[in-house]
Amino acid sequence: MVRPGAQTTMPSLSPAGQIMFWASLLSPPTNETRKKRWERWARERHAKKVSDEIDDEIEKERELDKKAPKEFRILLLGKFS
């Protein structure tokens, strides 16, 4: 048992081990049926489409911000009578 407040360390993996770790997490199940594969692909295509639409909106906003006039303020100092 780890005592409260104690730091624990994860064993470090070699670069090849890290690649294998992430590949195992991101790869499809080995027992995936054809129907499930098509359903997964459809979900992935939809997610990609939504992501691309969001990226396009962000890019459009960036372009509009570049073209918009810049706001600035002037501070007037002096004596008014």
PDB file of N, CA and C in Angstrom:
ATOM      1  N   MET A   1       0.846  -1.182   0.000  1.00  0.00           N
ATOM      2  CA  MET A   1       0.000   0.000   0.000  1.00  0.00           C
ATOM      3  C   MET A   1       0.889   1.242   0.000  1.00  0.00           C
ATOM      4  N   VAL A   2       0.476   2.226  -0.773  1.00  0.00           N
ATOM      5  CA  VAL A   2       1.223   3.480  -0.846  1.00  0.00           C
ATOM      6  C   VAL A   2       0.671   4.415   0.202  1.00  0.00           C
ATOM      7  N   ARG A   3       1.576   4.998   0.958  1.00  0.00           N
ATOM      8  CA  ARG A   3       1.110   5.906   2.009  1.00  0.00           C
ATOM      9  C   ARG A   3       0.646   7.222   1.386  1.00  0.00           C
ATOM     10  N   PRO A   4      -0.298   7.897   2.018  1.00  0.00           N
ATOM     11  CA  PRO A   4      -0.797   9.168   1.473  1.00  0.00           C
ATOM     12  C   PRO A   4       0.330  10.190   1.341  1.00  0.00           C
ATOM     13  N   GLY A   5       0.328  10.901   0.239  1.00  0.00           N
ATOM     14  CA  GLY A   5       1.325  11.936   0.002  1.00  0.00           C
ATOM     15  C   GLY A   5       2.603  11.427  -0.624  1.00  0.00           C
ATOM     16  N   ALA A   6       2.785  10.115  -0.690  1.00  0.00           N
ATOM     17  CA  ALA A   6       3.999   9.562  -1.281  1.00  0.00           C
ATOM     18  C   ALA A   6       3.889   9.621  -2.798  1.00  0.00           C
ATOM     19  N   GLN A   7       4.991   9.909  -3.446  1.00  0.00           N
ATOM     20  CA  GLN A   7       4.997   9.962  -4.904  1.00  0.00           C
ATOM     21  C   GLN A   7       5.274   8.576  -5.465  1.00  0.00           C
ATOM     22  N   THR A   8       4.521   8.229  -6.468  1.00  0.00           N
ATOM     23  CA  THR A   8       4.767   6.957  -7.145  1.00  0.00           C
ATOM     24  C   THR A   8       5.284   7.270  -8.541  1.00  0.00           C
ATOM     25  N   THR A   9       6.117   6.412  -9.052  1.00  0.00           N
ATOM     26  CA  THR A   9       6.651   6.626 -10.399  1.00  0.00           C
ATOM     27  C   THR A   9       6.215   5.485 -11.292  1.00  0.00           C
ATOM     28  N   MET A  10       5.927   5.823 -12.526  1.00  0.00           N
ATOM     29  CA  MET A  10       5.572   4.832 -13.520  1.00  0.00           C
ATOM     30  C   MET A  10       6.859   4.334 -14.156  1.00  0.00           C
ATOM     31  N   PRO A  11       6.952   3.072 -14.469  1.00  0.00           N
ATOM     32  CA  PRO A  11       8.155   2.605 -15.161  1.00  0.00           C
ATOM     33  C   PRO A  11       8.233   3.248 -16.532  1.00  0.00           C
ATOM     34  N   SER A  12       9.413   3.702 -16.905  1.00  0.00           N
ATOM     35  CA  SER A  12       9.547   4.355 -18.204  1.00  0.00           C
ATOM     36  C   SER A  12       9.689   3.291 -19.291  1.00  0.00           C
ATOM     37  N   LEU A  13       9.083   3.593 -20.417  1.00  0.00           N
ATOM     38  CA  LEU A  13       9.134   2.676 -21.545  1.00  0.00           C
ATOM     39  C   LEU A  13      10.122   3.204 -22.578  1.00  0.00           C
ATOM     40  N   SER A  14      10.720   2.305 -23.296  1.00  0.00           N
ATOM     41  CA  SER A  14      11.580   2.711 -24.409  1.00  0.00           C
ATOM     42  C   SER A  14      10.696   3.312 -25.494  1.00  0.00           C
ATOM     43  N   PRO A  15      11.261   4.042 -26.437  1.00  0.00           N
ATOM     44  CA  PRO A  15      10.430   4.595 -27.515  1.00  0.00           C
ATOM     45  C   PRO A  15       9.623   3.523 -28.250  1.00  0.00           C
ATOM     46  N   ALA A  16      10.235   2.376 -28.493  1.00  0.00           N
ATOM     47  CA  ALA A  16       9.506   1.294 -29.162  1.00  0.00           C
ATOM     48  C   ALA A  16       8.378   0.787 -28.269  1.00  0.00           C
ATOM     49  N   GLY A  17       8.624   0.725 -26.973  1.00  0.00           N
ATOM     50  CA  GLY A  17       7.593   0.295 -26.028  1.00  0.00           C
ATOM     51  C   GLY A  17       6.443   1.285 -25.979  1.00  0.00           C
ATOM     52  N   GLN A  18       6.756   2.575 -26.069  1.00  0.00           N
ATOM     53  CA  GLN A  18       5.706   3.598 -26.078  1.00  0.00           C
ATOM     54  C   GLN A  18       4.846   3.467 -27.330  1.00  0.00           C
ATOM     55  N   ILE A  19       5.484   3.206 -28.463  1.00  0.00           N
ATOM     56  CA  ILE A  19       4.734   3.043 -29.711  1.00  0.00           C
ATOM     57  C   ILE A  19       3.806   1.843 -29.603  1.00  0.00           C
ATOM     58  N   MET A  20       4.312   0.751 -29.067  1.00  0.00           N
ATOM     59  CA  MET A  20       3.490  -0.450 -28.920  1.00  0.00           C
ATOM     60  C   MET A  20       2.337  -0.206 -27.952  1.00  0.00           C
ATOM     61  N   PHE A  21       2.603   0.540 -26.878  1.00  0.00           N
ATOM     62  CA  PHE A  21       1.571   0.841 -25.892  1.00  0.00           C
ATOM     63  C   PHE A  21       0.425   1.607 -26.545  1.00  0.00           C
ATOM     64  N   TRP A  22       0.754   2.703 -27.261  1.00  0.00           N
ATOM     65  CA  TRP A  22      -0.290   3.511 -27.893  1.00  0.00           C
ATOM     66  C   TRP A  22      -0.961   2.751 -29.030  1.00  0.00           C
ATOM     67  N   ALA A  23      -0.215   1.963 -29.760  1.00  0.00           N
ATOM     68  CA  ALA A  23      -0.802   1.178 -30.852  1.00  0.00           C
ATOM     69  C   ALA A  23      -1.822   0.181 -30.308  1.00  0.00           C
ATOM     70  N   SER A  24      -1.516  -0.413 -29.169  1.00  0.00           N
ATOM     71  CA  SER A  24      -2.459  -1.376 -28.591  1.00  0.00           C
ATOM     72  C   SER A  24      -3.725  -0.685 -28.103  1.00  0.00           C
ATOM     73  N   LEU A  25      -3.601   0.554 -27.634  1.00  0.00           N
ATOM     74  CA  LEU A  25      -4.787   1.284 -27.178  1.00  0.00           C
ATOM     75  C   LEU A  25      -5.644   1.775 -28.340  1.00  0.00           C
ATOM     76  N   LEU A  26      -5.007   2.155 -29.429  1.00  0.00           N
ATOM     77  CA  LEU A  26      -5.726   2.763 -30.542  1.00  0.00           C
ATOM     78  C   LEU A  26      -6.154   1.785 -31.623  1.00  0.00           C
ATOM     79  N   SER A  27      -5.652   0.576 -31.588  1.00  0.00           N
ATOM     80  CA  SER A  27      -6.000  -0.382 -32.642  1.00  0.00           C
ATOM     81  C   SER A  27      -7.395  -0.964 -32.385  1.00  0.00           C
ATOM     82  N   PRO A  28      -8.089  -1.343 -33.460  1.00  0.00           N
ATOM     83  CA  PRO A  28      -9.426  -1.924 -33.295  1.00  0.00           C
ATOM     84  C   PRO A  28      -9.339  -3.300 -32.644  1.00  0.00           C
ATOM     85  N   PRO A  29     -10.441  -3.731 -32.064  1.00  0.00           N
ATOM     86  CA  PRO A  29     -10.449  -5.062 -31.440  1.00  0.00           C
ATOM     87  C   PRO A  29     -10.138  -6.153 -32.468  1.00  0.00           C
ATOM     88  N   THR A  30      -9.459  -7.191 -32.032  1.00  0.00           N
ATOM     89  CA  THR A  30      -9.086  -8.273 -32.950  1.00  0.00           C
ATOM     90  C   THR A  30     -10.291  -9.117 -33.346  1.00  0.00           C
ATOM     91  N   ASN A  31     -11.320  -9.161 -32.498  1.00  0.00           N
ATOM     92  CA  ASN A  31     -12.495  -9.982 -32.795  1.00  0.00           C
ATOM     93  C   ASN A  31     -13.647  -9.149 -33.366  1.00  0.00           C
ATOM     94  N   GLU A  32     -13.323  -8.028 -34.008  1.00  0.00           N
ATOM     95  CA  GLU A  32     -14.336  -7.123 -34.548  1.00  0.00           C
ATOM     96  C   GLU A  32     -14.991  -7.742 -35.789  1.00  0.00           C
ATOM     97  N   THR A  33     -16.320  -7.733 -35.806  1.00  0.00           N
ATOM     98  CA  THR A  33     -17.044  -8.270 -36.964  1.00  0.00           C
ATOM     99  C   THR A  33     -17.064  -7.237 -38.083  1.00  0.00           C
ATOM    100  N   ARG A  34     -17.430  -7.684 -39.265  1.00  0.00           N
ATOM    101  CA  ARG A  34     -17.498  -6.780 -40.419  1.00  0.00           C
ATOM    102  C   ARG A  34     -18.511  -5.658 -40.157  1.00  0.00           C
ATOM    103  N   LYS A  35     -19.666  -6.005 -39.588  1.00  0.00           N
ATOM    104  CA  LYS A  35     -20.697  -5.004 -39.290  1.00  0.00           C
ATOM    105  C   LYS A  35     -20.168  -3.971 -38.291  1.00  0.00           C
ATOM    106  N   LYS A  36     -19.520  -4.442 -37.232  1.00  0.00           N
ATOM    107  CA  LYS A  36     -18.971  -3.524 -36.228  1.00  0.00           C
ATOM    108  C   LYS A  36     -17.888  -2.634 -36.837  1.00  0.00           C
ATOM    109  N   ARG A  37     -17.090  -3.204 -37.737  1.00  0.00           N
ATOM    110  CA  ARG A  37     -16.043  -2.425 -38.390  1.00  0.00           C
ATOM    111  C   ARG A  37     -16.657  -1.291 -39.205  1.00  0.00           C
ATOM    112  N   TRP A  38     -17.706  -1.598 -39.987  1.00  0.00           N
ATOM    113  CA  TRP A  38     -18.361  -0.562 -40.782  1.00  0.00           C
ATOM    114  C   TRP A  38     -18.976   0.504 -39.881  1.00  0.00           C
ATOM    115  N   GLU A  39     -19.566   0.084 -38.764  1.00  0.00           N
ATOM    116  CA  GLU A  39     -20.146   1.049 -37.822  1.00  0.00           C
ATOM    117  C   GLU A  39     -19.052   1.949 -37.230  1.00  0.00           C
ATOM    118  N   ARG A  40     -17.921   1.352 -36.883  1.00  0.00           N
ATOM    119  CA  ARG A  40     -16.801   2.134 -36.334  1.00  0.00           C
ATOM    120  C   ARG A  40     -16.285   3.111 -37.383  1.00  0.00           C
ATOM    121  N   TRP A  41     -16.133   2.645 -38.612  1.00  0.00           N
ATOM    122  CA  TRP A  41     -15.660   3.529 -39.683  1.00  0.00           C
ATOM    123  C   TRP A  41     -16.627   4.695 -39.899  1.00  0.00           C
ATOM    124  N   ALA A  42     -17.938   4.406 -39.834  1.00  0.00           N
ATOM    125  CA  ALA A  42     -18.936   5.462 -40.007  1.00  0.00           C
ATOM    126  C   ALA A  42     -18.818   6.489 -38.880  1.00  0.00           C
ATOM    127  N   ARG A  43     -18.630   6.011 -37.646  1.00  0.00           N
ATOM    128  CA  ARG A  43     -18.447   6.943 -36.517  1.00  0.00           C
ATOM    129  C   ARG A  43     -17.186   7.770 -36.693  1.00  0.00           C
ATOM    130  N   GLU A  44     -16.108   7.134 -37.150  1.00  0.00           N
ATOM    131  CA  GLU A  44     -14.852   7.851 -37.355  1.00  0.00           C
ATOM    132  C   GLU A  44     -14.981   8.893 -38.460  1.00  0.00           C
ATOM    133  N   ARG A  45     -15.668   8.547 -39.556  1.00  0.00           N
ATOM    134  CA  ARG A  45     -15.877   9.512 -40.647  1.00  0.00           C
ATOM    135  C   ARG A  45     -16.691  10.706 -40.160  1.00  0.00           C
ATOM    136  N   HIS A  46     -17.737  10.418 -39.375  1.00  0.00           N
ATOM    137  CA  HIS A  46     -18.567  11.502 -38.843  1.00  0.00           C
ATOM    138  C   HIS A  46     -17.754  12.386 -37.899  1.00  0.00           C
ATOM    139  N   ALA A  47     -16.963  11.774 -37.028  1.00  0.00           N
ATOM    140  CA  ALA A  47     -16.131  12.543 -36.100  1.00  0.00           C
ATOM    141  C   ALA A  47     -15.121  13.399 -36.865  1.00  0.00           C
ATOM    142  N   LYS A  48     -14.540  12.849 -37.927  1.00  0.00           N
ATOM    143  CA  LYS A  48     -13.584  13.592 -38.752  1.00  0.00           C
ATOM    144  C   LYS A  48     -14.271  14.773 -39.436  1.00  0.00           C
ATOM    145  N   LYS A  49     -15.478  14.549 -39.928  1.00  0.00           N
ATOM    146  CA  LYS A  49     -16.235  15.617 -40.585  1.00  0.00           C
ATOM    147  C   LYS A  49     -16.524  16.751 -39.602  1.00  0.00           C
ATOM    148  N   VAL A  50     -16.972  16.408 -38.414  1.00  0.00           N
ATOM    149  CA  VAL A  50     -17.257  17.420 -37.396  1.00  0.00           C
ATOM    150  C   VAL A  50     -15.976  18.168 -37.023  1.00  0.00           C
ATOM    151  N   SER A  51     -14.895  17.444 -36.850  1.00  0.00           N
ATOM    152  CA  SER A  51     -13.615  18.063 -36.511  1.00  0.00           C
ATOM    153  C   SER A  51     -13.164  19.021 -37.606  1.00  0.00           C
ATOM    154  N   ASP A  52     -13.297  18.610 -38.865  1.00  0.00           N
ATOM    155  CA  ASP A  52     -12.912  19.474 -39.987  1.00  0.00           C
ATOM    156  C   ASP A  52     -13.782  20.726 -40.043  1.00  0.00           C
ATOM    157  N   GLU A  53     -15.082  20.579 -39.768  1.00  0.00           N
ATOM    158  CA  GLU A  53     -15.976  21.745 -39.758  1.00  0.00           C
ATOM    159  C   GLU A  53     -15.566  22.729 -38.663  1.00  0.00           C
ATOM    160  N   ILE A  54     -15.210  22.219 -37.504  1.00  0.00           N
ATOM    161  CA  ILE A  54     -14.759  23.077 -36.409  1.00  0.00           C
ATOM    162  C   ILE A  54     -13.472  23.783 -36.799  1.00  0.00           C
ATOM    163  N   ASP A  55     -12.536  23.048 -37.391  1.00  0.00           N
ATOM    164  CA  ASP A  55     -11.277  23.654 -37.841  1.00  0.00           C
ATOM    165  C   ASP A  55     -11.529  24.755 -38.869  1.00  0.00           C
ATOM    166  N   ASP A  56     -12.465  24.515 -39.800  1.00  0.00           N
ATOM    167  CA  ASP A  56     -12.798  25.524 -40.810  1.00  0.00           C
ATOM    168  C   ASP A  56     -13.375  26.776 -40.160  1.00  0.00           C
ATOM    169  N   GLU A  57     -14.261  26.596 -39.179  1.00  0.00           N
ATOM    170  CA  GLU A  57     -14.846  27.748 -38.480  1.00  0.00           C
ATOM    171  C   GLU A  57     -13.768  28.548 -37.746  1.00  0.00           C
ATOM    172  N   ILE A  58     -12.859  27.861 -37.101  1.00  0.00           N
ATOM    173  CA  ILE A  58     -11.771  28.545 -36.395  1.00  0.00           C
ATOM    174  C   ILE A  58     -10.925  29.332 -37.382  1.00  0.00           C
ATOM    175  N   GLU A  59     -10.626  28.741 -38.530  1.00  0.00           N
ATOM    176  CA  GLU A  59      -9.817  29.424 -39.538  1.00  0.00           C
ATOM    177  C   GLU A  59     -10.546  30.646 -40.090  1.00  0.00           C
ATOM    178  N   LYS A  60     -11.860  30.523 -40.321  1.00  0.00           N
ATOM    179  CA  LYS A  60     -12.640  31.662 -40.800  1.00  0.00           C
ATOM    180  C   LYS A  60     -12.628  32.793 -39.773  1.00  0.00           C
ATOM    181  N   GLU A  61     -12.790  32.452 -38.491  1.00  0.00           N
ATOM    182  CA  GLU A  61     -12.755  33.472 -37.440  1.00  0.00           C
ATOM    183  C   GLU A  61     -11.390  34.150 -37.390  1.00  0.00           C
ATOM    184  N   ARG A  62     -10.338  33.380 -37.557  1.00  0.00           N
ATOM    185  CA  ARG A  62      -8.988  33.942 -37.575  1.00  0.00           C
ATOM    186  C   ARG A  62      -8.815  34.935 -38.720  1.00  0.00           C
ATOM    187  N   GLU A  63      -9.301  34.559 -39.901  1.00  0.00           N
ATOM    188  CA  GLU A  63      -9.206  35.446 -41.048  1.00  0.00           C
ATOM    189  C   GLU A  63     -10.009  36.725 -40.837  1.00  0.00           C
ATOM    190  N   LEU A  64     -11.202  36.599 -40.261  1.00  0.00           N
ATOM    191  CA  LEU A  64     -12.006  37.782 -39.983  1.00  0.00           C
ATOM    192  C   LEU A  64     -11.331  38.686 -38.959  1.00  0.00           C
ATOM    193  N   ASP A  65     -10.698  38.095 -37.950  1.00  0.00           N
ATOM    194  CA  ASP A  65      -9.990  38.886 -36.944  1.00  0.00           C
ATOM    195  C   ASP A  65      -8.831  39.649 -37.569  1.00  0.00           C
ATOM    196  N   LYS A  66      -8.162  39.037 -38.538  1.00  0.00           N
ATOM    197  CA  LYS A  66      -7.046  39.714 -39.203  1.00  0.00           C
ATOM    198  C   LYS A  66      -7.541  40.908 -40.013  1.00  0.00           C
ATOM    199  N   LYS A  67      -8.715  40.784 -40.638  1.00  0.00           N
ATOM    200  CA  LYS A  67      -9.245  41.831 -41.493  1.00  0.00           C
ATOM    201  C   LYS A  67      -9.964  42.922 -40.707  1.00  0.00           C
ATOM    202  N   ALA A  68     -10.404  42.620 -39.502  1.00  0.00           N
ATOM    203  CA  ALA A  68     -11.165  43.590 -38.706  1.00  0.00           C
ATOM    204  C   ALA A  68     -10.267  44.745 -38.267  1.00  0.00           C
ATOM    205  N   PRO A  69     -10.858  45.936 -38.201  1.00  0.00           N
ATOM    206  CA  PRO A  69     -10.051  47.071 -37.724  1.00  0.00           C
ATOM    207  C   PRO A  69      -9.646  46.849 -36.268  1.00  0.00           C
ATOM    208  N   LYS A  70      -8.445  47.261 -35.954  1.00  0.00           N
ATOM    209  CA  LYS A  70      -7.933  47.079 -34.600  1.00  0.00           C
ATOM    210  C   LYS A  70      -8.481  48.170 -33.689  1.00  0.00           C
ATOM    211  N   GLU A  71      -8.857  47.790 -32.502  1.00  0.00           N
ATOM    212  CA  GLU A  71      -9.365  48.736 -31.527  1.00  0.00           C
ATOM    213  C   GLU A  71      -8.195  49.379 -30.802  1.00  0.00           C
ATOM    214  N   PHE A  72      -8.281  50.665 -30.579  1.00  0.00           N
ATOM    215  CA  PHE A  72      -7.257  51.330 -29.786  1.00  0.00           C
ATOM    216  C   PHE A  72      -7.911  52.429 -28.967  1.00  0.00           C
ATOM    217  N   ARG A  73      -7.265  52.796 -27.885  1.00  0.00           N
ATOM    218  CA  ARG A  73      -7.781  53.813 -26.982  1.00  0.00           C
ATOM    219  C   ARG A  73      -6.773  54.938 -26.868  1.00  0.00           C
ATOM    220  N   ILE A  74      -7.307  56.108 -26.681  1.00  0.00           N
ATOM    221  CA  ILE A  74      -6.454  57.271 -26.522  1.00  0.00           C
ATOM    222  C   ILE A  74      -6.700  57.845 -25.138  1.00  0.00           C
ATOM    223  N   LEU A  75      -5.649  58.098 -24.435  1.00  0.00           N
ATOM    224  CA  LEU A  75      -5.736  58.689 -23.108  1.00  0.00           C
ATOM    225  C   LEU A  75      -5.344  60.159 -23.243  1.00  0.00           C
ATOM    226  N   LEU A  76      -6.306  61.028 -22.955  1.00  0.00           N
ATOM    227  CA  LEU A  76      -6.043  62.465 -23.049  1.00  0.00           C
ATOM    228  C   LEU A  76      -5.650  62.992 -21.686  1.00  0.00           C
ATOM    229  N   LEU A  77      -4.496  63.578 -21.609  1.00  0.00           N
ATOM    230  CA  LEU A  77      -4.027  64.157 -20.361  1.00  0.00           C
ATOM    231  C   LEU A  77      -3.979  65.666 -20.526  1.00  0.00           C
ATOM    232  N   GLY A  78      -4.312  66.344 -19.487  1.00  0.00           N
ATOM    233  CA  GLY A  78      -4.230  67.795 -19.553  1.00  0.00           C
ATOM    234  C   GLY A  78      -5.274  68.446 -18.669  1.00  0.00           C
ATOM    235  N   LYS A  79      -5.246  69.742 -18.656  1.00  0.00           N
ATOM    236  CA  LYS A  79      -6.127  70.511 -17.811  1.00  0.00           C
ATOM    237  C   LYS A  79      -7.277  71.033 -18.659  1.00  0.00           C
ATOM    238  N   PHE A  80      -8.483  70.811 -18.197  1.00  0.00           N
ATOM    239  CA  PHE A  80      -9.664  71.290 -18.901  1.00  0.00           C
ATOM    240  C   PHE A  80     -10.255  72.446 -18.121  1.00  0.00           C
ATOM    241  N   SER A  81     -10.678  73.484 -18.818  1.00  0.00           N
ATOM    242  CA  SER A  81     -11.283  74.597 -18.109  1.00  0.00           C
ATOM    243  C   SER A  81     -12.739  74.745 -18.459  1.00  0.00           C
TER     244      SER A  81
END
